[in-house]
Protein backbone atom coordinates (compact mmCIF):
# COMPACT_ATOMS: atom_id res chain seq x y z
CA UNK A 1 -73.53 165.99 -16.32
CA UNK A 2 -71.56 167.30 -19.29
CA UNK A 3 -68.51 169.52 -19.46
CA UNK A 4 -67.55 171.30 -22.71
CA UNK A 5 -63.82 171.28 -23.37
CA UNK A 6 -62.21 173.70 -25.83
CA UNK A 7 -59.09 172.72 -27.76
CA UNK A 8 -57.17 176.01 -27.74
CA UNK A 9 -54.98 174.83 -30.63
CA UNK A 10 -58.03 174.51 -32.89
CA UNK A 11 -60.16 177.42 -31.67
CA UNK A 12 -60.12 180.40 -34.07
CA UNK A 13 -62.17 182.65 -31.76
CA UNK A 14 -65.17 182.85 -34.06
CA UNK A 15 -67.39 182.87 -30.95
CA UNK A 16 -70.13 180.85 -32.65
CA UNK A 17 -70.34 178.66 -29.54
CA UNK A 18 -71.00 181.69 -27.35
CA UNK A 19 -73.83 182.82 -29.62
CA UNK A 20 -75.46 179.41 -30.18
CA UNK A 21 -75.44 178.03 -26.62
CA UNK A 22 -79.01 178.17 -25.22
CA UNK A 23 -77.74 177.81 -21.65
CA UNK A 24 -75.05 180.57 -21.61
CA UNK A 25 -72.30 178.10 -20.78
CA UNK A 26 -69.66 180.14 -22.61
CA UNK A 27 -68.49 183.72 -22.30
CA UNK A 28 -65.82 185.89 -23.87
CA UNK A 29 -63.03 187.06 -21.60
CA UNK A 30 -59.80 188.67 -22.80
CA UNK A 31 -60.79 187.84 -26.40
CA UNK A 32 -60.92 184.11 -25.54
CA UNK A 33 -63.85 181.76 -25.19
CA UNK A 34 -64.21 180.56 -21.63
CA UNK A 35 -66.38 177.80 -20.21
CA UNK A 36 -67.95 180.09 -17.61
CA UNK A 37 -70.97 178.09 -16.47
CA UNK A 38 -70.31 174.39 -17.07
CA UNK A 39 -73.04 173.31 -14.63
CA UNK A 40 -75.62 174.77 -17.05
CA UNK A 41 -74.56 172.43 -19.87
CA UNK A 42 -77.28 169.90 -20.71
CA UNK A 43 -75.34 168.12 -23.45
CA UNK A 44 -77.41 169.44 -26.36
CA UNK A 45 -74.25 169.59 -28.53
CA UNK A 46 -75.29 172.83 -30.28
CA UNK A 47 -71.81 174.21 -29.66
CA UNK A 48 -70.16 171.08 -31.05
CA UNK A 49 -72.29 171.20 -34.20
CA UNK A 50 -71.72 174.94 -34.71
CA UNK A 51 -67.94 174.97 -34.23
CA UNK A 52 -66.32 175.13 -37.71
CA UNK A 53 -62.95 173.93 -36.36
CA UNK A 54 -64.21 170.96 -34.29
CA UNK A 55 -62.57 172.59 -31.26
CA UNK A 56 -65.26 171.60 -28.75
CA UNK A 57 -65.94 168.23 -27.25
CA UNK A 58 -68.37 167.34 -24.49
CA UNK A 59 -66.95 165.31 -21.67
CA UNK A 60 -69.48 163.14 -19.86
CA UNK A 61 -68.67 163.47 -16.18
């Protein structure tokens, strides 16, 4: 199982991760990206590849 972690110091709120994730793991709440459905993450790394600030890492749990 994978868990996406967002580095808030690097995130610029471009929301690319929200748009690219095929499993709807992320959502926007209060103009922030939230990991809303981490159990849906299959470790495809689309969000990691799309993030221009390298603000997302996948933790292998």
